[in-house]
Amino acid sequence: MRDEQGWFTVCALDGLTPGRGVAALLRDGSQAAVFLDRAGRTYVVGNRDPFTGAYVLSRGLLGSADGVPFVASPLLKQRFDLRSGRCLDDDGVSVPVFRSRTR
């Protein structure tokens, strides 16, 4: 159920482990990868790896390159900017990004 601002709960913050992701099934049937970094920031991107079609980005490794937080796909290791969804290894590829907030 959405709240008055249009937000809906995906998971409890204490269900996230810093540096790891979880997959969430969204209401439209798509999947999101939800991450909590070690500084306490949350990021949400599409869970589908566009290079393989597998829903695995939630299992990827978090890191940063030149100050850009990313998740590296566990399959082919392409890195996706957690803020914009842009692939850091192929400018023509990206994943969806979702706004997040914590309460």
N, C-alpha and C. Protein backbone atom coordinates (compact mmCIF):
# COMPACT_ATOMS: atom_id res chain seq x y z
N MET A 1 0.84 -1.17 0.00
CA MET A 1 0.00 0.00 0.00
C MET A 1 0.89 1.24 0.00
N ARG A 2 0.54 2.18 -0.84
CA ARG A 2 1.28 3.44 -0.91
C ARG A 2 0.85 4.37 0.20
N ASP A 3 1.81 5.20 0.67
CA ASP A 3 1.44 6.21 1.66
C ASP A 3 0.94 7.46 0.94
N GLU A 4 0.66 8.50 1.68
CA GLU A 4 0.07 9.71 1.09
C GLU A 4 0.98 10.42 0.09
N GLN A 5 2.29 10.18 0.15
CA GLN A 5 3.21 10.77 -0.81
C GLN A 5 3.51 9.85 -2.00
N GLY A 6 2.90 8.68 -2.04
CA GLY A 6 3.10 7.76 -3.15
C GLY A 6 4.20 6.74 -2.95
N TRP A 7 4.81 6.70 -1.77
CA TRP A 7 5.87 5.74 -1.47
C TRP A 7 5.25 4.44 -0.99
N PHE A 8 5.95 3.32 -1.20
CA PHE A 8 5.55 2.08 -0.58
C PHE A 8 6.77 1.36 -0.04
N THR A 9 6.55 0.56 0.98
CA THR A 9 7.63 -0.12 1.67
C THR A 9 8.08 -1.34 0.89
N VAL A 10 9.38 -1.45 0.68
CA VAL A 10 9.97 -2.60 0.01
C VAL A 10 10.52 -3.57 1.05
N CYS A 11 11.23 -3.03 2.04
CA CYS A 11 11.77 -3.87 3.11
C CYS A 11 12.10 -2.98 4.30
N ALA A 12 12.27 -3.61 5.44
CA ALA A 12 12.68 -2.88 6.64
C ALA A 12 14.17 -2.58 6.55
N LEU A 13 14.58 -1.42 7.02
CA LEU A 13 15.98 -1.03 6.97
C LEU A 13 16.85 -2.03 7.71
N ASP A 14 16.36 -2.56 8.82
CA ASP A 14 17.18 -3.52 9.56
C ASP A 14 17.27 -4.88 8.87
N GLY A 15 16.56 -5.04 7.77
CA GLY A 15 16.68 -6.25 6.95
C GLY A 15 17.81 -6.17 5.94
N LEU A 16 18.46 -5.01 5.87
CA LEU A 16 19.57 -4.82 4.94
C LEU A 16 20.90 -4.94 5.68
N THR A 17 21.87 -5.56 5.04
CA THR A 17 23.21 -5.67 5.58
C THR A 17 24.11 -4.73 4.79
N PRO A 18 24.83 -3.83 5.48
CA PRO A 18 25.72 -2.92 4.75
C PRO A 18 26.69 -3.68 3.84
N GLY A 19 26.77 -3.22 2.60
CA GLY A 19 27.66 -3.83 1.63
C GLY A 19 27.07 -4.98 0.84
N ARG A 20 25.82 -5.33 1.13
CA ARG A 20 25.15 -6.43 0.43
C ARG A 20 23.81 -5.96 -0.10
N GLY A 21 23.30 -6.67 -1.08
CA GLY A 21 22.02 -6.31 -1.65
C GLY A 21 20.96 -7.36 -1.39
N VAL A 22 19.71 -6.96 -1.59
CA VAL A 22 18.58 -7.87 -1.55
C VAL A 22 17.72 -7.61 -2.78
N ALA A 23 17.06 -8.63 -3.25
CA ALA A 23 16.13 -8.48 -4.37
C ALA A 23 14.74 -8.23 -3.83
N ALA A 24 14.00 -7.37 -4.52
CA ALA A 24 12.63 -7.07 -4.14
C ALA A 24 11.74 -7.19 -5.37
N LEU A 25 10.63 -7.87 -5.22
CA LEU A 25 9.64 -7.98 -6.28
C LEU A 25 8.73 -6.76 -6.18
N LEU A 26 8.64 -6.00 -7.27
CA LEU A 26 7.82 -4.80 -7.27
C LEU A 26 6.40 -5.13 -7.73
N ARG A 27 5.50 -4.22 -7.49
CA ARG A 27 4.07 -4.47 -7.76
C ARG A 27 3.76 -4.71 -9.22
N ASP A 28 4.60 -4.17 -10.11
CA ASP A 28 4.36 -4.38 -11.53
C ASP A 28 4.99 -5.67 -12.04
N GLY A 29 5.59 -6.47 -11.14
CA GLY A 29 6.21 -7.73 -11.53
C GLY A 29 7.69 -7.63 -11.83
N SER A 30 8.22 -6.41 -11.90
CA SER A 30 9.65 -6.25 -12.12
C SER A 30 10.40 -6.45 -10.81
N GLN A 31 11.70 -6.49 -10.89
CA GLN A 31 12.52 -6.69 -9.70
C GLN A 31 13.47 -5.52 -9.50
N ALA A 32 13.76 -5.23 -8.25
CA ALA A 32 14.73 -4.20 -7.89
C ALA A 32 15.80 -4.82 -7.01
N ALA A 33 16.99 -4.26 -7.09
CA ALA A 33 18.08 -4.63 -6.20
C ALA A 33 18.25 -3.48 -5.21
N VAL A 34 18.14 -3.78 -3.93
CA VAL A 34 18.19 -2.76 -2.87
C VAL A 34 19.50 -2.92 -2.12
N PHE A 35 20.23 -1.81 -1.97
CA PHE A 35 21.53 -1.84 -1.31
C PHE A 35 21.61 -0.82 -0.19
N LEU A 36 22.34 -1.17 0.83
CA LEU A 36 22.70 -0.26 1.91
C LEU A 36 24.22 -0.24 1.93
N ASP A 37 24.82 0.95 1.71
CA ASP A 37 26.28 0.99 1.75
C ASP A 37 26.76 1.14 3.19
N ARG A 38 28.04 1.07 3.38
CA ARG A 38 28.61 1.10 4.73
C ARG A 38 28.47 2.47 5.40
N ALA A 39 28.14 3.50 4.61
CA ALA A 39 27.91 4.83 5.17
C ALA A 39 26.43 5.04 5.51
N GLY A 40 25.60 4.03 5.28
CA GLY A 40 24.18 4.13 5.62
C GLY A 40 23.29 4.66 4.52
N ARG A 41 23.82 4.84 3.31
CA ARG A 41 23.00 5.31 2.18
C ARG A 41 22.34 4.13 1.49
N THR A 42 21.10 4.32 1.06
CA THR A 42 20.40 3.27 0.33
C THR A 42 20.37 3.62 -1.16
N TYR A 43 20.41 2.57 -1.97
CA TYR A 43 20.34 2.69 -3.42
C TYR A 43 19.42 1.59 -3.93
N VAL A 44 18.66 1.91 -4.98
CA VAL A 44 17.77 0.91 -5.58
C VAL A 44 17.91 1.00 -7.09
N VAL A 45 18.27 -0.11 -7.70
CA VAL A 45 18.39 -0.19 -9.16
C VAL A 45 17.63 -1.43 -9.63
N GLY A 46 17.40 -1.52 -10.94
CA GLY A 46 16.79 -2.73 -11.49
C GLY A 46 17.69 -3.93 -11.21
N ASN A 47 17.10 -5.07 -10.95
CA ASN A 47 17.86 -6.26 -10.60
C ASN A 47 18.34 -7.03 -11.82
N ARG A 48 17.85 -6.71 -13.00
CA ARG A 48 18.19 -7.46 -14.22
C ARG A 48 19.51 -6.96 -14.80
N ASP A 49 20.44 -7.88 -14.98
CA ASP A 49 21.72 -7.58 -15.63
C ASP A 49 21.44 -7.47 -17.13
N PRO A 50 21.61 -6.29 -17.74
CA PRO A 50 21.27 -6.14 -19.15
C PRO A 50 22.18 -6.92 -20.10
N PHE A 51 23.33 -7.35 -19.64
CA PHE A 51 24.25 -8.10 -20.50
C PHE A 51 23.89 -9.57 -20.59
N THR A 52 23.28 -10.12 -19.55
CA THR A 52 22.94 -11.55 -19.56
C THR A 52 21.45 -11.81 -19.48
N GLY A 53 20.67 -10.83 -19.02
CA GLY A 53 19.24 -11.01 -18.83
C GLY A 53 18.89 -11.67 -17.50
N ALA A 54 19.90 -12.03 -16.73
CA ALA A 54 19.66 -12.69 -15.44
C ALA A 54 19.35 -11.66 -14.36
N TYR A 55 18.49 -12.03 -13.43
CA TYR A 55 18.11 -11.14 -12.33
C TYR A 55 19.06 -11.38 -11.16
N VAL A 56 20.24 -10.75 -11.23
CA VAL A 56 21.32 -11.06 -10.28
C VAL A 56 22.03 -9.86 -9.68
N LEU A 57 21.69 -8.64 -10.07
CA LEU A 57 22.47 -7.50 -9.58
C LEU A 57 22.42 -7.37 -8.06
N SER A 58 21.36 -7.87 -7.43
CA SER A 58 21.29 -7.81 -5.97
C SER A 58 22.38 -8.66 -5.33
N ARG A 59 22.97 -9.57 -6.09
CA ARG A 59 24.06 -10.43 -5.60
C ARG A 59 25.44 -9.86 -5.94
N GLY A 60 25.46 -8.67 -6.55
CA GLY A 60 26.72 -8.07 -6.97
C GLY A 60 27.52 -7.48 -5.83
N LEU A 61 28.74 -7.10 -6.14
CA LEU A 61 29.65 -6.51 -5.17
C LEU A 61 29.58 -4.99 -5.25
N LEU A 62 29.51 -4.33 -4.09
CA LEU A 62 29.52 -2.87 -4.05
C LEU A 62 30.96 -2.37 -4.03
N GLY A 63 31.15 -1.22 -4.65
CA GLY A 63 32.46 -0.58 -4.64
C GLY A 63 32.31 0.86 -5.06
N SER A 64 33.43 1.53 -5.28
CA SER A 64 33.40 2.89 -5.81
C SER A 64 34.63 3.08 -6.68
N ALA A 65 34.46 3.91 -7.69
CA ALA A 65 35.53 4.25 -8.62
C ALA A 65 35.48 5.75 -8.83
N ASP A 66 36.55 6.44 -8.47
CA ASP A 66 36.59 7.90 -8.60
C ASP A 66 35.39 8.56 -7.92
N GLY A 67 34.99 8.04 -6.77
CA GLY A 67 33.89 8.61 -6.01
C GLY A 67 32.51 8.19 -6.47
N VAL A 68 32.43 7.33 -7.47
CA VAL A 68 31.13 6.87 -7.99
C VAL A 68 30.80 5.52 -7.37
N PRO A 69 29.71 5.45 -6.58
CA PRO A 69 29.33 4.16 -6.01
C PRO A 69 28.76 3.26 -7.10
N PHE A 70 29.16 1.98 -7.09
CA PHE A 70 28.68 1.07 -8.12
C PHE A 70 28.40 -0.30 -7.55
N VAL A 71 27.63 -1.07 -8.32
CA VAL A 71 27.48 -2.50 -8.08
C VAL A 71 28.07 -3.19 -9.30
N ALA A 72 28.90 -4.20 -9.05
CA ALA A 72 29.47 -5.00 -10.13
C ALA A 72 28.65 -6.27 -10.27
N SER A 73 28.21 -6.55 -11.48
CA SER A 73 27.43 -7.75 -11.72
C SER A 73 28.24 -8.98 -11.31
N PRO A 74 27.60 -9.94 -10.64
CA PRO A 74 28.33 -11.14 -10.24
C PRO A 74 28.66 -12.06 -11.42
N LEU A 75 28.08 -11.81 -12.58
CA LEU A 75 28.32 -12.69 -13.72
C LEU A 75 29.48 -12.23 -14.58
N LEU A 76 29.34 -11.10 -15.26
CA LEU A 76 30.38 -10.64 -16.17
C LEU A 76 31.17 -9.46 -15.63
N LYS A 77 30.82 -9.01 -14.42
CA LYS A 77 31.56 -7.98 -13.67
C LYS A 77 31.40 -6.55 -14.19
N GLN A 78 30.44 -6.29 -15.10
CA GLN A 78 30.21 -4.90 -15.49
C GLN A 78 29.74 -4.14 -14.26
N ARG A 79 30.17 -2.87 -14.19
CA ARG A 79 29.86 -2.02 -13.03
C ARG A 79 28.78 -1.01 -13.40
N PHE A 80 27.79 -0.86 -12.51
CA PHE A 80 26.68 0.07 -12.74
C PHE A 80 26.66 1.11 -11.64
N ASP A 81 26.64 2.38 -12.04
CA ASP A 81 26.56 3.50 -11.12
C ASP A 81 25.25 3.39 -10.34
N LEU A 82 25.34 3.35 -9.02
CA LEU A 82 24.13 3.20 -8.20
C LEU A 82 23.28 4.46 -8.18
N ARG A 83 23.82 5.60 -8.59
CA ARG A 83 23.04 6.85 -8.60
C ARG A 83 22.32 7.08 -9.92
N SER A 84 22.96 6.70 -11.03
CA SER A 84 22.37 6.98 -12.34
C SER A 84 21.96 5.73 -13.11
N GLY A 85 22.50 4.56 -12.74
CA GLY A 85 22.24 3.33 -13.47
C GLY A 85 23.16 3.10 -14.65
N ARG A 86 23.97 4.10 -14.98
CA ARG A 86 24.86 4.02 -16.15
C ARG A 86 25.92 2.94 -15.94
N CYS A 87 26.17 2.18 -16.99
CA CYS A 87 27.23 1.19 -16.93
C CYS A 87 28.57 1.91 -17.07
N LEU A 88 29.47 1.69 -16.12
CA LEU A 88 30.77 2.35 -16.15
C LEU A 88 31.70 1.73 -17.19
N ASP A 89 31.32 0.58 -17.71
CA ASP A 89 32.17 -0.14 -18.66
C ASP A 89 31.63 -0.10 -20.09
N ASP A 90 30.43 0.42 -20.29
CA ASP A 90 29.82 0.51 -21.61
C ASP A 90 28.78 1.62 -21.56
N ASP A 91 29.14 2.80 -22.07
CA ASP A 91 28.28 3.98 -21.97
C ASP A 91 26.89 3.80 -22.60
N GLY A 92 26.73 2.83 -23.47
CA GLY A 92 25.44 2.63 -24.13
C GLY A 92 24.46 1.78 -23.35
N VAL A 93 24.84 1.35 -22.16
CA VAL A 93 24.00 0.43 -21.39
C VAL A 93 23.73 1.03 -20.01
N SER A 94 22.52 0.79 -19.51
CA SER A 94 22.18 1.26 -18.17
C SER A 94 21.11 0.36 -17.57
N VAL A 95 20.89 0.53 -16.28
CA VAL A 95 19.81 -0.16 -15.57
C VAL A 95 18.91 0.91 -14.97
N PRO A 96 17.63 0.59 -14.74
CA PRO A 96 16.74 1.58 -14.11
C PRO A 96 17.19 1.90 -12.70
N VAL A 97 16.93 3.13 -12.30
CA VAL A 97 17.22 3.59 -10.93
C VAL A 97 15.91 4.04 -10.30
N PHE A 98 15.73 3.69 -9.04
CA PHE A 98 14.53 4.06 -8.30
C PHE A 98 14.92 4.95 -7.12
N ARG A 99 14.09 5.93 -6.82
CA ARG A 99 14.32 6.76 -5.65
C ARG A 99 14.07 5.92 -4.41
N SER A 100 14.80 6.23 -3.36
CA SER A 100 14.59 5.52 -2.09
C SER A 100 14.64 6.50 -0.94
N ARG A 101 14.05 6.08 0.14
CA ARG A 101 14.14 6.87 1.37
C ARG A 101 14.06 5.89 2.52
N THR A 102 14.55 6.32 3.66
CA THR A 102 14.47 5.50 4.85
C THR A 102 13.69 6.25 5.90
N ARG A 103 13.05 5.49 6.77
CA ARG A 103 12.28 6.10 7.85
C ARG A 103 12.68 5.49 9.15
